[in-house]
Amino acid sequence: MKVYRAFRRNGNLAQVALSEAQIVELCPESRRRGWRIVATDEDVASATGIVHDWSRGGGCGGLHVHWLCPLCSKEHYSDFDANATISNPVLWLCESGSGAVCLVHWQHEQIA
């Protein structure tokens, strides 16, 4: 699948997404001079995630997607902005620091 990455002027990765338009929406500063958006064809692992409200019950932290990463076998917690035009699935980085991405299909937590 096509993977888009936005790099800051210093070469550091700032954002991954499923399209250039999504890069710009999620990271508006990527339009600035000196930034690069690179698209590559990659084999991408997929996972399923559940949106949890960390604020429920008096906690703090807002919405996060909990997902088991098939790349490193660890659970990751990704910020979820309910007001953003977020796709489902969404492309997120494995938190191992490898730069590998995972396609996460998310759903909202079922509360009894």
Foldseek 3Di string as FASTA:
>chain_A
DKKKWKAALVRDTDDIWDDPVVCCQVPVCSPDPNMDIDIDDDDAAEWEWEWDQQPPPNGDDGIWTWIQDPVPRHIDTHDDDPPGPADAFIWDADPPPPRGIYGYGYDYDDDD
